Every structure is written in structure tokens, then in C-alpha cells.
Amino acid sequence: YRGESAASQAARESFADRLRSEVSQRESPWSICHALLAFGPEFSYGEPPRRAIETLVEAYVQRDGSRVFVTRHRGAAGLGEQHPYLVLKTLAEVAPDDPIAAPVIAELLATSRHEVVLPTGFESTDDLPWVVTAYARLRIPPDEAIRKGGPTPIALAREILGAVEAGDRIVEKALAKEPFDRPPGSAPPAEAGTYAYTCGGQHMIQALLAVDLAGWWSESERARVEERLRVFRRRIESELEFRQREYELAVRSGKNELEARTLLAMFSVKLLGHGLEIIGSAIRQGIAEEGAQGQVERLRSKLLGIFRSLDDDLDSERTLLPSLRRRFPVLWELWFGDGCHALRGLSMTDAVGR
């Protein structure tokens, strides 16, 4: 990427090494899927090294006697991100034609056709982005019902668009206030808006872009997606400022400065990684408004600065992730998962700056 220093590139590779070493330490369908997003379909790990896709398919994905693929020892309900459809979406994105992945994609696709319905509430809406992204990536016909009497893929996509529009009305009210006060993600959509959904609704926006890439939207629907992107781009900048204010308040209140900086870095990586994925996709698809290129440069600079700070003083001994894995697994998941999205966001925007 033009103008980025050798030190920034070294910090990026150092961060990637941190994540690679963690995959086998807390292996799960979720961690493997995120590693595939960060490192691509040929990623291997372990001793001797084995392709992550092989491990995902053979160790974690199995038939249970029905048409449902499940993660081993877990049922399909209440899985959060340890969800069969996360596997479907990931393989559809990174390895749709891989001979090992293809049979799993076909079976999960059949399962989704049998199971998926129009959402009836917040939780079922939250699961839709994985399925819709997979359908769009796999070029499933948008106007054909997924089963007799079932919804069409485009109807599912429109449910996501409507949910983001409704949620963004809450977000826009918050953005109109000075300073911006981020709604709590633990609240329902009526209170938190788009923030109520997984990763603050960023997966939903990625699904809208996948549908755009597949050419499903009408002209008027594409204009509505463009408006969601405008709100998202404003939201990222305001939330980064919000996190900075939280950090400064914590330090003034007596919190250990190094701990506060580490927490700020974690929340920032989540925003910056998903933001680069989304804005990078929008630029490549010609759906981003003027100024998106400059925003990408700023977000990349901030993200690489965080990577450099990890090497310089925040985690120069590389103990952060191993310590979190043992003591605070939820925080480990945030660092690992969002770190994988950050690396993917950098990869997706590399070409933008050439």
C-alpha cells in the first residue's frame, strides 16, 4: 500500500504470527473459520501442518442422522457464532470450489433450504447474514424459493436491509448528539439499533454488499444500501472518538494506563478491521461515495499503528493472547476474531492503494 513504512509491514506480519500461533491452542469451528478469512484457503497449522479446511471438515463437521450439519457436541440452536451457517458462509467466501469444502457446502446449503424461514424476531434476523452472504456468493437464483412454500433469497436479503434501516434510525439519533454516545450492544434493537446485532450489525452490512456483488438489488434498493454505507462510515469515525474518550476517562479515574490502552486497542481493532472489509468492498464494487479512499488510508494507518504499539510496549513479550486464553476467554475471542477480520480488511484494501 503506497506510503506505508517497512515498520508498519513488519508489525502487520508480527500480528499475523501472533494469531497463527493461537489457532491450535483454542481450536473450534469459529476459530478455524476466522483463520481462513485472515490467511486464505491454503492456511495450514499444527504439527505436522495440516490444511485448516481439512481439520474443519473432518474434526468438527458431522452428520447427526438428519439433514443438519452440526458442530460436534453442540446442537444447532443457541450457538452464537459457533454456528453451522458460519461455516457455510466462510467456505462459500474463501473456498467455494475446493474439493474438500464443496460437499460440506452442498450439505449445509441443503440444510439451510430446509430450515431457514423469514425472521420472526431479533435472534432469527441476526442469523440471516451468514445464509444470505453464502447464497449471494454461490449465485443461488435470488427469485426462486429455497424450498416449496419457503422464502426466496432476495426476500431474506430484504429482511436484512429493512432491519439495518430500522436499527440505523436509532444510531442516527445518537450520531446527531455531541458527543456521540454509543448505544449499548447488550440492549435490544429498539434501544440499541444496529448495535444490537452481532458485531454491531457489521455482518449485516457485509451481507448487503455480498448481495450487491451478486447483482440482486434493484436500482432503488441499491440506493438504500448506499445510504446505509454513508451512515456506517460516519458511525466508525464517531465510535473511534467515543472509545478514545472512554480511554481518557478511565485513565483520569485511576485505571492502569497500560491496561486502558490495551482495552482501547482491542475495541479499535474490531472497528477498524470490519470497517476496512466493508469500505474496501464498497470501493471495489463502485458503491462507495466520495471520500471513501481517504477514509481507508486513515483506518489502515490507525490499525497498523496499533500493531506497532503491540510490538513496542503494549505486548512486547507476546504474552497478551496466551494470558487471555487461559484467564479471560471472552476477551481472547475478541482479540483473535477481530484480529482476523483486521488482517482480512488490510488484504482487501491492499489493492485500493496501489
Foldseek 3Di string as FASTA:
>chain_A
DPPDDPLLVVLLVVLLVLLQVCCVVDPALLLLLLLCLQPAQQDWDDVVTDGSLVCNCPVFWDDPPDLDTAGPPDDQPPPVCSHLLSLLLSCLPGPCPDPSCVVSNVSNLLVCLVDQAQDDDDVSLLPLLSVLLNCLSVLPPQCDRSDVVGHGSVVNLVSLLVQLVLLVVLVVVQVVDPQRDQFDLCDGSVGRRQSVHPLSVLSSLVSNLSNVVSVNDDPVVLVSNLVSVVSLLSSLVSVLVVLVVVLVVCVVVPHDNLVSVVVSLLVLLSSLLSVLVNLLSCVVSVSHDPPSLVVNVVSSVVNSVSSSCCCVPSPVVSCVLVVCVVPPVVSNCSCNSSSSSNSSSCVSCVVVVD
